[in-house]
Full PDB file with SEQRES, HELIX, SHEET, SSBOND, CRYST1, ORIGX, SCALE, CONECT and MASTER records, all heavy atoms in Angstrom:
SEQRES   1 A   32  GLU SER PHE GLU ASN SER VAL PRO ILE ALA PHE LYS HIS          
SEQRES   2 A   32  ILE LEU ASP ALA GLU ASN GLN LYS LEU PHE LYS GLU SER          
SEQRES   3 A   32  LYS SER LYS ILE VAL LEU                                      
HELIX    1 AA1 PHE A   11  HIS A   13  5                                   3    
HELIX    2 AA2 ALA A   17  GLU A   25  1                                   9    
CRYST1    1.000    1.000    1.000  90.00  90.00  90.00 P 1           1          
ORIGX1      1.000000  0.000000  0.000000        0.00000                         
ORIGX2      0.000000  1.000000  0.000000        0.00000                         
ORIGX3      0.000000  0.000000  1.000000        0.00000                         
SCALE1      1.000000  0.000000  0.000000        0.00000                         
SCALE2      0.000000  1.000000  0.000000        0.00000                         
SCALE3      0.000000  0.000000  1.000000        0.00000                         
ATOM      1  N   GLU A   1       9.494  -4.750  12.395  1.00  0.00           N  
ATOM      2  CA  GLU A   1       9.903  -4.952  11.030  1.00  0.00           C  
ATOM      3  C   GLU A   1       9.617  -3.669  10.212  1.00  0.00           C  
ATOM      4  O   GLU A   1       9.987  -3.650   9.008  1.00  0.00           O  
ATOM      5  CB  GLU A   1       9.134  -6.134  10.463  1.00  0.00           C  
ATOM      6  CG  GLU A   1       9.671  -6.711   9.241  1.00  0.00           C  
ATOM      7  CD  GLU A   1      10.911  -7.587   9.438  1.00  0.00           C  
ATOM      8  OE1 GLU A   1      11.087  -8.219  10.421  1.00  0.00           O  
ATOM      9  OE2 GLU A   1      11.713  -7.595   8.472  1.00  0.00           O  
ATOM     10  N   SER A   2       9.072  -2.736  10.771  1.00  0.00           N  
ATOM     11  CA  SER A   2       8.600  -1.496  10.033  1.00  0.00           C  
ATOM     12  C   SER A   2       9.746  -0.757   9.343  1.00  0.00           C  
ATOM     13  O   SER A   2      10.764  -0.540   9.921  1.00  0.00           O  
ATOM     14  CB  SER A   2       7.800  -0.539  10.948  1.00  0.00           C  
ATOM     15  OG  SER A   2       7.282   0.467  10.305  1.00  0.00           O  
ATOM     16  N   PHE A   3       9.443  -0.279   8.169  1.00  0.00           N  
ATOM     17  CA  PHE A   3      10.387   0.483   7.401  1.00  0.00           C  
ATOM     18  C   PHE A   3      10.017   2.003   7.515  1.00  0.00           C  
ATOM     19  O   PHE A   3       8.848   2.332   7.815  1.00  0.00           O  
ATOM     20  CB  PHE A   3      10.407   0.045   5.942  1.00  0.00           C  
ATOM     21  CG  PHE A   3      10.959  -1.300   5.713  1.00  0.00           C  
ATOM     22  CD1 PHE A   3      10.099  -2.427   5.739  1.00  0.00           C  
ATOM     23  CD2 PHE A   3      12.317  -1.422   5.446  1.00  0.00           C  
ATOM     24  CE1 PHE A   3      10.660  -3.704   5.538  1.00  0.00           C  
ATOM     25  CE2 PHE A   3      12.872  -2.713   5.261  1.00  0.00           C  
ATOM     26  CZ  PHE A   3      12.042  -3.860   5.319  1.00  0.00           C  
ATOM     27  N   GLU A   4      11.060   2.804   7.223  1.00  0.00           N  
ATOM     28  CA  GLU A   4      10.888   4.257   7.433  1.00  0.00           C  
ATOM     29  C   GLU A   4       9.698   4.819   6.617  1.00  0.00           C  
ATOM     30  O   GLU A   4       8.986   5.624   7.121  1.00  0.00           O  
ATOM     31  CB  GLU A   4      12.176   4.897   7.061  1.00  0.00           C  
ATOM     32  CG  GLU A   4      12.351   6.302   7.289  1.00  0.00           C  
ATOM     33  CD  GLU A   4      13.733   6.832   6.983  1.00  0.00           C  
ATOM     34  OE1 GLU A   4      14.705   6.275   7.523  1.00  0.00           O  
ATOM     35  OE2 GLU A   4      13.769   7.791   6.180  1.00  0.00           O  
ATOM     36  N   ASN A   5       9.579   4.432   5.398  1.00  0.00           N  
ATOM     37  CA  ASN A   5       8.602   5.096   4.523  1.00  0.00           C  
ATOM     38  C   ASN A   5       7.409   4.151   4.221  1.00  0.00           C  
ATOM     39  O   ASN A   5       6.860   4.159   3.139  1.00  0.00           O  
ATOM     40  CB  ASN A   5       9.224   5.561   3.225  1.00  0.00           C  
ATOM     41  CG  ASN A   5       9.955   4.507   2.450  1.00  0.00           C  
ATOM     42  OD1 ASN A   5      10.155   3.314   3.029  1.00  0.00           O  
ATOM     43  ND2 ASN A   5      10.344   4.703   1.269  1.00  0.00           N  
ATOM     44  N   SER A   6       7.098   3.227   5.173  1.00  0.00           N  
ATOM     45  CA  SER A   6       6.107   2.202   4.965  1.00  0.00           C  
ATOM     46  C   SER A   6       4.687   2.837   5.073  1.00  0.00           C  
ATOM     47  O   SER A   6       4.456   3.784   5.920  1.00  0.00           O  
ATOM     48  CB  SER A   6       6.233   1.004   5.838  1.00  0.00           C  
ATOM     49  OG  SER A   6       5.974   1.389   7.139  1.00  0.00           O  
ATOM     50  N   VAL A   7       3.726   2.235   4.403  1.00  0.00           N  
ATOM     51  CA  VAL A   7       2.330   2.667   4.442  1.00  0.00           C  
ATOM     52  C   VAL A   7       1.576   1.606   5.232  1.00  0.00           C  
ATOM     53  O   VAL A   7       1.582   0.471   4.754  1.00  0.00           O  
ATOM     54  CB  VAL A   7       1.758   2.844   3.004  1.00  0.00           C  
ATOM     55  CG1 VAL A   7       0.284   3.253   3.104  1.00  0.00           C  
ATOM     56  CG2 VAL A   7       2.539   3.809   2.221  1.00  0.00           C  
ATOM     57  N   PRO A   8       0.975   1.932   6.322  1.00  0.00           N  
ATOM     58  CA  PRO A   8       0.213   0.902   7.057  1.00  0.00           C  
ATOM     59  C   PRO A   8      -1.194   0.715   6.455  1.00  0.00           C  
ATOM     60  O   PRO A   8      -2.023   1.688   6.378  1.00  0.00           O  
ATOM     61  CB  PRO A   8       0.106   1.537   8.473  1.00  0.00           C  
ATOM     62  CG  PRO A   8       0.252   2.966   8.298  1.00  0.00           C  
ATOM     63  CD  PRO A   8       1.085   3.202   7.078  1.00  0.00           C  
ATOM     64  N   ILE A   9      -1.418  -0.496   6.020  1.00  0.00           N  
ATOM     65  CA  ILE A   9      -2.776  -0.848   5.461  1.00  0.00           C  
ATOM     66  C   ILE A   9      -3.189  -2.179   6.068  1.00  0.00           C  
ATOM     67  O   ILE A   9      -2.501  -3.143   5.832  1.00  0.00           O  
ATOM     68  CB  ILE A   9      -2.792  -0.914   3.944  1.00  0.00           C  
ATOM     69  CG1 ILE A   9      -2.301   0.397   3.279  1.00  0.00           C  
ATOM     70  CG2 ILE A   9      -4.141  -1.354   3.433  1.00  0.00           C  
ATOM     71  CD1 ILE A   9      -2.170   0.308   1.756  1.00  0.00           C  
ATOM     72  N   ALA A  10      -4.236  -2.193   6.768  1.00  0.00           N  
ATOM     73  CA  ALA A  10      -4.747  -3.398   7.381  1.00  0.00           C  
ATOM     74  C   ALA A  10      -5.136  -4.321   6.217  1.00  0.00           C  
ATOM     75  O   ALA A  10      -5.657  -3.882   5.232  1.00  0.00           O  
ATOM     76  CB  ALA A  10      -5.891  -3.183   8.315  1.00  0.00           C  
ATOM     77  N   PHE A  11      -4.851  -5.594   6.415  1.00  0.00           N  
ATOM     78  CA  PHE A  11      -5.248  -6.607   5.390  1.00  0.00           C  
ATOM     79  C   PHE A  11      -6.642  -6.489   4.978  1.00  0.00           C  
ATOM     80  O   PHE A  11      -6.979  -6.559   3.711  1.00  0.00           O  
ATOM     81  CB  PHE A  11      -4.840  -8.010   5.819  1.00  0.00           C  
ATOM     82  CG  PHE A  11      -5.320  -9.102   4.847  1.00  0.00           C  
ATOM     83  CD1 PHE A  11      -4.581  -9.300   3.691  1.00  0.00           C  
ATOM     84  CD2 PHE A  11      -6.384  -9.865   5.039  1.00  0.00           C  
ATOM     85  CE1 PHE A  11      -5.015 -10.199   2.736  1.00  0.00           C  
ATOM     86  CE2 PHE A  11      -6.773 -10.841   4.167  1.00  0.00           C  
ATOM     87  CZ  PHE A  11      -6.053 -11.022   2.999  1.00  0.00           C  
ATOM     88  N   LYS A  12      -7.585  -6.310   5.849  1.00  0.00           N  
ATOM     89  CA  LYS A  12      -8.970  -6.189   5.444  1.00  0.00           C  
ATOM     90  C   LYS A  12      -9.329  -4.996   4.622  1.00  0.00           C  
ATOM     91  O   LYS A  12     -10.375  -4.998   4.000  1.00  0.00           O  
ATOM     92  CB  LYS A  12      -9.870  -6.311   6.683  1.00  0.00           C  
ATOM     93  CG  LYS A  12      -9.718  -5.150   7.615  1.00  0.00           C  
ATOM     94  CD  LYS A  12     -10.573  -5.329   8.884  1.00  0.00           C  
ATOM     95  CE  LYS A  12     -10.411  -4.142   9.813  1.00  0.00           C  
ATOM     96  NZ  LYS A  12     -11.219  -4.274  11.030  1.00  0.00           N  
ATOM     97  N   HIS A  13      -8.404  -4.094   4.505  1.00  0.00           N  
ATOM     98  CA  HIS A  13      -8.630  -2.870   3.720  1.00  0.00           C  
ATOM     99  C   HIS A  13      -7.775  -2.869   2.463  1.00  0.00           C  
ATOM    100  O   HIS A  13      -7.779  -1.795   1.809  1.00  0.00           O  
ATOM    101  CB  HIS A  13      -8.405  -1.593   4.544  1.00  0.00           C  
ATOM    102  CG  HIS A  13      -9.312  -1.468   5.758  1.00  0.00           C  
ATOM    103  ND1 HIS A  13     -10.585  -1.300   5.614  1.00  0.00           N  
ATOM    104  CD2 HIS A  13      -8.993  -1.536   7.074  1.00  0.00           C  
ATOM    105  CE1 HIS A  13     -11.119  -1.180   6.863  1.00  0.00           C  
ATOM    106  NE2 HIS A  13     -10.195  -1.380   7.772  1.00  0.00           N  
ATOM    107  N   ILE A  14      -7.207  -3.899   2.106  1.00  0.00           N  
ATOM    108  CA  ILE A  14      -6.318  -3.947   0.932  1.00  0.00           C  
ATOM    109  C   ILE A  14      -7.044  -3.652  -0.305  1.00  0.00           C  
ATOM    110  O   ILE A  14      -6.484  -3.045  -1.233  1.00  0.00           O  
ATOM    111  CB  ILE A  14      -5.579  -5.316   0.905  1.00  0.00           C  
ATOM    112  CG1 ILE A  14      -4.381  -5.191  -0.011  1.00  0.00           C  
ATOM    113  CG2 ILE A  14      -6.436  -6.416   0.388  1.00  0.00           C  
ATOM    114  CD1 ILE A  14      -3.152  -4.668   0.632  1.00  0.00           C  
ATOM    115  N   LEU A  15      -8.383  -3.892  -0.416  1.00  0.00           N  
ATOM    116  CA  LEU A  15      -9.110  -3.662  -1.635  1.00  0.00           C  
ATOM    117  C   LEU A  15      -9.868  -2.392  -1.636  1.00  0.00           C  
ATOM    118  O   LEU A  15     -10.681  -2.056  -2.521  1.00  0.00           O  
ATOM    119  CB  LEU A  15     -10.058  -4.837  -1.895  1.00  0.00           C  
ATOM    120  CG  LEU A  15      -9.360  -6.196  -2.131  1.00  0.00           C  
ATOM    121  CD1 LEU A  15     -10.407  -7.240  -2.403  1.00  0.00           C  
ATOM    122  CD2 LEU A  15      -8.442  -6.112  -3.375  1.00  0.00           C  
ATOM    123  N   ASP A  16      -9.715  -1.541  -0.639  1.00  0.00           N  
ATOM    124  CA  ASP A  16     -10.380  -0.228  -0.584  1.00  0.00           C  
ATOM    125  C   ASP A  16     -10.037   0.556  -1.726  1.00  0.00           C  
ATOM    126  O   ASP A  16      -8.855   0.512  -2.232  1.00  0.00           O  
ATOM    127  CB  ASP A  16     -10.141   0.501   0.782  1.00  0.00           C  
ATOM    128  CG  ASP A  16     -10.735  -0.147   1.924  1.00  0.00           C  
ATOM    129  OD1 ASP A  16     -11.541  -1.152   1.789  1.00  0.00           O  
ATOM    130  OD2 ASP A  16     -10.511   0.343   3.076  1.00  0.00           O  
ATOM    131  N   ALA A  17     -10.885   1.519  -2.135  1.00  0.00           N  
ATOM    132  CA  ALA A  17     -10.678   2.253  -3.347  1.00  0.00           C  
ATOM    133  C   ALA A  17      -9.385   3.088  -3.295  1.00  0.00           C  
ATOM    134  O   ALA A  17      -8.662   3.224  -4.199  1.00  0.00           O  
ATOM    135  CB  ALA A  17     -11.862   3.120  -3.665  1.00  0.00           C  
ATOM    136  N   GLU A  18      -9.147   3.811  -2.123  1.00  0.00           N  
ATOM    137  CA  GLU A  18      -8.000   4.657  -2.006  1.00  0.00           C  
ATOM    138  C   GLU A  18      -6.702   3.871  -2.061  1.00  0.00           C  
ATOM    139  O   GLU A  18      -5.632   4.315  -2.516  1.00  0.00           O  
ATOM    140  CB  GLU A  18      -8.046   5.475  -0.739  1.00  0.00           C  
ATOM    141  CG  GLU A  18      -7.951   4.759   0.600  1.00  0.00           C  
ATOM    142  CD  GLU A  18      -9.314   4.554   1.178  1.00  0.00           C  
ATOM    143  OE1 GLU A  18     -10.374   4.761   0.582  1.00  0.00           O  
ATOM    144  OE2 GLU A  18      -9.234   4.073   2.407  1.00  0.00           O  
ATOM    145  N   ASN A  19      -6.770   2.614  -1.450  1.00  0.00           N  
ATOM    146  CA  ASN A  19      -5.550   1.796  -1.528  1.00  0.00           C  
ATOM    147  C   ASN A  19      -5.239   1.224  -2.978  1.00  0.00           C  
ATOM    148  O   ASN A  19      -4.101   1.192  -3.375  1.00  0.00           O  
ATOM    149  CB  ASN A  19      -5.699   0.620  -0.531  1.00  0.00           C  
ATOM    150  CG  ASN A  19      -5.777   1.052   0.870  1.00  0.00           C  
ATOM    151  OD1 ASN A  19      -5.199   2.158   1.242  1.00  0.00           O  
ATOM    152  ND2 ASN A  19      -6.489   0.397   1.747  1.00  0.00           N  
ATOM    153  N   GLN A  20      -6.280   0.884  -3.591  1.00  0.00           N  
ATOM    154  CA  GLN A  20      -6.155   0.487  -4.994  1.00  0.00           C  
ATOM    155  C   GLN A  20      -5.590   1.621  -5.906  1.00  0.00           C  
ATOM    156  O   GLN A  20      -4.719   1.356  -6.761  1.00  0.00           O  
ATOM    157  CB  GLN A  20      -7.432  -0.070  -5.636  1.00  0.00           C  
ATOM    158  CG  GLN A  20      -7.764  -1.370  -5.104  1.00  0.00           C  
ATOM    159  CD  GLN A  20      -8.915  -2.081  -5.920  1.00  0.00           C  
ATOM    160  OE1 GLN A  20      -9.089  -1.707  -7.074  1.00  0.00           O  
ATOM    161  NE2 GLN A  20      -9.683  -2.851  -5.294  1.00  0.00           N  
ATOM    162  N   LYS A  21      -6.026   2.809  -5.618  1.00  0.00           N  
ATOM    163  CA  LYS A  21      -5.504   3.940  -6.286  1.00  0.00           C  
ATOM    164  C   LYS A  21      -4.049   4.127  -5.979  1.00  0.00           C  
ATOM    165  O   LYS A  21      -3.277   4.452  -6.891  1.00  0.00           O  
ATOM    166  CB  LYS A  21      -6.318   5.197  -5.898  1.00  0.00           C  
ATOM    167  CG  LYS A  21      -5.885   6.425  -6.627  1.00  0.00           C  
ATOM    168  CD  LYS A  21      -6.762   7.603  -6.226  1.00  0.00           C  
ATOM    169  CE  LYS A  21      -6.320   8.922  -6.864  1.00  0.00           C  
ATOM    170  NZ  LYS A  21      -7.056  10.101  -6.461  1.00  0.00           N  
ATOM    171  N   LEU A  22      -3.683   3.954  -4.721  1.00  0.00           N  
ATOM    172  CA  LEU A  22      -2.259   4.096  -4.408  1.00  0.00           C  
ATOM    173  C   LEU A  22      -1.387   3.112  -5.127  1.00  0.00           C  
ATOM    174  O   LEU A  22      -0.283   3.464  -5.566  1.00  0.00           O  
ATOM    175  CB  LEU A  22      -2.113   3.896  -2.789  1.00  0.00           C  
ATOM    176  CG  LEU A  22      -0.711   3.784  -2.235  1.00  0.00           C  
ATOM    177  CD1 LEU A  22      -0.058   5.188  -2.225  1.00  0.00           C  
ATOM    178  CD2 LEU A  22      -0.741   3.225  -0.880  1.00  0.00           C  
ATOM    179  N   PHE A  23      -1.845   1.828  -5.203  1.00  0.00           N  
ATOM    180  CA  PHE A  23      -1.105   0.794  -5.900  1.00  0.00           C  
ATOM    181  C   PHE A  23      -1.041   1.134  -7.378  1.00  0.00           C  
ATOM    182  O   PHE A  23       0.018   0.881  -7.988  1.00  0.00           O  
ATOM    183  CB  PHE A  23      -1.756  -0.539  -5.660  1.00  0.00           C  
ATOM    184  CG  PHE A  23      -1.759  -0.998  -4.211  1.00  0.00           C  
ATOM    185  CD1 PHE A  23      -2.907  -1.595  -3.688  1.00  0.00           C  
ATOM    186  CD2 PHE A  23      -0.703  -0.797  -3.442  1.00  0.00           C  
ATOM    187  CE1 PHE A  23      -2.946  -2.083  -2.389  1.00  0.00           C  
ATOM    188  CE2 PHE A  23      -0.762  -1.119  -2.087  1.00  0.00           C  
ATOM    189  CZ  PHE A  23      -1.854  -1.819  -1.615  1.00  0.00           C  
ATOM    190  N   LYS A  24      -2.098   1.596  -7.987  1.00  0.00           N  
ATOM    191  CA  LYS A  24      -2.122   1.815  -9.381  1.00  0.00           C  
ATOM    192  C   LYS A  24      -1.225   3.037  -9.802  1.00  0.00           C  
ATOM    193  O   LYS A  24      -0.563   3.035 -10.768  1.00  0.00           O  
ATOM    194  CB  LYS A  24      -3.549   2.257  -9.874  1.00  0.00           C  
ATOM    195  CG  LYS A  24      -4.399   0.981  -9.946  1.00  0.00           C  
ATOM    196  CD  LYS A  24      -5.838   1.354 -10.405  1.00  0.00           C  
ATOM    197  CE  LYS A  24      -6.652   0.110 -10.408  1.00  0.00           C  
ATOM    198  NZ  LYS A  24      -8.066   0.415 -10.651  1.00  0.00           N  
ATOM    199  N   GLU A  25      -1.119   4.048  -8.841  1.00  0.00           N  
ATOM    200  CA  GLU A  25      -0.327   5.230  -9.174  1.00  0.00           C  
ATOM    201  C   GLU A  25       1.146   5.064  -8.812  1.00  0.00           C  
ATOM    202  O   GLU A  25       2.033   5.867  -9.209  1.00  0.00           O  
ATOM    203  CB  GLU A  25      -0.885   6.393  -8.399  1.00  0.00           C  
ATOM    204  CG  GLU A  25      -2.214   6.871  -8.955  1.00  0.00           C  
ATOM    205  CD  GLU A  25      -2.858   7.954  -8.123  1.00  0.00           C  
ATOM    206  OE1 GLU A  25      -2.316   8.271  -6.981  1.00  0.00           O  
ATOM    207  OE2 GLU A  25      -3.920   8.522  -8.546  1.00  0.00           O  
ATOM    208  N   SER A  26       1.502   4.023  -7.987  1.00  0.00           N  
ATOM    209  CA  SER A  26       2.829   3.720  -7.646  1.00  0.00           C  
ATOM    210  C   SER A  26       3.706   3.324  -8.838  1.00  0.00           C  
ATOM    211  O   SER A  26       3.358   2.353  -9.525  1.00  0.00           O  
ATOM    212  CB  SER A  26       2.880   2.677  -6.606  1.00  0.00           C  
ATOM    213  OG  SER A  26       4.233   2.383  -6.183  1.00  0.00           O  
ATOM    214  N   LYS A  27       4.743   4.015  -9.093  1.00  0.00           N  
ATOM    215  CA  LYS A  27       5.664   3.649 -10.147  1.00  0.00           C  
ATOM    216  C   LYS A  27       6.861   2.732  -9.533  1.00  0.00           C  
ATOM    217  O   LYS A  27       7.604   2.300 -10.372  1.00  0.00           O  
ATOM    218  CB  LYS A  27       6.287   4.857 -10.712  1.00  0.00           C  
ATOM    219  CG  LYS A  27       5.237   5.852 -11.212  1.00  0.00           C  
ATOM    220  CD  LYS A  27       5.521   6.449 -12.598  1.00  0.00           C  
ATOM    221  CE  LYS A  27       4.547   7.390 -13.127  1.00  0.00           C  
ATOM    222  NZ  LYS A  27       3.159   7.093 -13.164  1.00  0.00           N  
ATOM    223  N   SER A  28       6.871   2.620  -8.325  1.00  0.00           N  
ATOM    224  CA  SER A  28       7.968   1.765  -7.691  1.00  0.00           C  
ATOM    225  C   SER A  28       7.434   0.340  -7.402  1.00  0.00           C  
ATOM    226  O   SER A  28       6.192   0.140  -7.451  1.00  0.00           O  
ATOM    227  CB  SER A  28       8.480   2.457  -6.458  1.00  0.00           C  
ATOM    228  OG  SER A  28       7.451   2.781  -5.619  1.00  0.00           O  
ATOM    229  N   LYS A  29       8.338  -0.479  -7.009  1.00  0.00           N  
ATOM    230  CA  LYS A  29       7.926  -1.889  -6.635  1.00  0.00           C  
ATOM    231  C   LYS A  29       7.252  -1.824  -5.286  1.00  0.00           C  
ATOM    232  O   LYS A  29       7.602  -1.073  -4.352  1.00  0.00           O  
ATOM    233  CB  LYS A  29       9.128  -2.726  -6.522  1.00  0.00           C  
ATOM    234  CG  LYS A  29       9.859  -3.011  -7.845  1.00  0.00           C  
ATOM    235  CD  LYS A  29      11.068  -3.904  -7.721  1.00  0.00           C  
ATOM    236  CE  LYS A  29      11.737  -4.058  -9.017  1.00  0.00           C  
ATOM    237  NZ  LYS A  29      12.963  -4.878  -8.840  1.00  0.00           N  
ATOM    238  N   ILE A  30       6.170  -2.556  -5.156  1.00  0.00           N  
ATOM    239  CA  ILE A  30       5.382  -2.628  -3.951  1.00  0.00           C  
ATOM    240  C   ILE A  30       5.847  -3.809  -3.224  1.00  0.00           C  
ATOM    241  O   ILE A  30       5.773  -5.030  -3.678  1.00  0.00           O  
ATOM    242  CB  ILE A  30       3.846  -2.751  -4.301  1.00  0.00           C  
ATOM    243  CG1 ILE A  30       3.407  -1.509  -5.121  1.00  0.00           C  
ATOM    244  CG2 ILE A  30       3.071  -2.870  -3.030  1.00  0.00           C  
ATOM    245  CD1 ILE A  30       2.013  -1.646  -5.704  1.00  0.00           C  
ATOM    246  N   VAL A  31       6.275  -3.659  -1.902  1.00  0.00           N  
ATOM    247  CA  VAL A  31       6.806  -4.739  -1.111  1.00  0.00           C  
ATOM    248  C   VAL A  31       5.856  -4.894   0.096  1.00  0.00           C  
ATOM    249  O   VAL A  31       5.613  -3.966   0.834  1.00  0.00           O  
ATOM    250  CB  VAL A  31       8.191  -4.434  -0.574  1.00  0.00           C  
ATOM    251  CG1 VAL A  31       8.671  -5.536   0.335  1.00  0.00           C  
ATOM    252  CG2 VAL A  31       9.122  -4.198  -1.753  1.00  0.00           C  
ATOM    253  N   LEU A  32       5.220  -6.069   0.095  1.00  0.00           N  
ATOM    254  CA  LEU A  32       4.274  -6.356   1.211  1.00  0.00           C  
ATOM    255  C   LEU A  32       4.985  -7.149   2.320  1.00  0.00           C  
ATOM    256  O   LEU A  32       5.790  -7.979   2.021  1.00  0.00           O  
ATOM    257  CB  LEU A  32       3.178  -7.241   0.627  1.00  0.00           C  
ATOM    258  CG  LEU A  32       2.376  -6.738  -0.567  1.00  0.00           C  
ATOM    259  CD1 LEU A  32       1.428  -7.776  -1.117  1.00  0.00           C  
ATOM    260  CD2 LEU A  32       1.662  -5.440  -0.202  1.00  0.00           C  
TER     261      LEU A  32                                                      
MASTER        0    0    0    2    0    0    0    6  260    1    0    3          
END                                                                             
């Protein structure tokens, strides 16, 4: 199901600081 520009993030790491920063800085829609 993988998309060309997808970011792999394990569910258990969804709240890691670098991932939260990625989500906050994203100006586009986040599709999980």
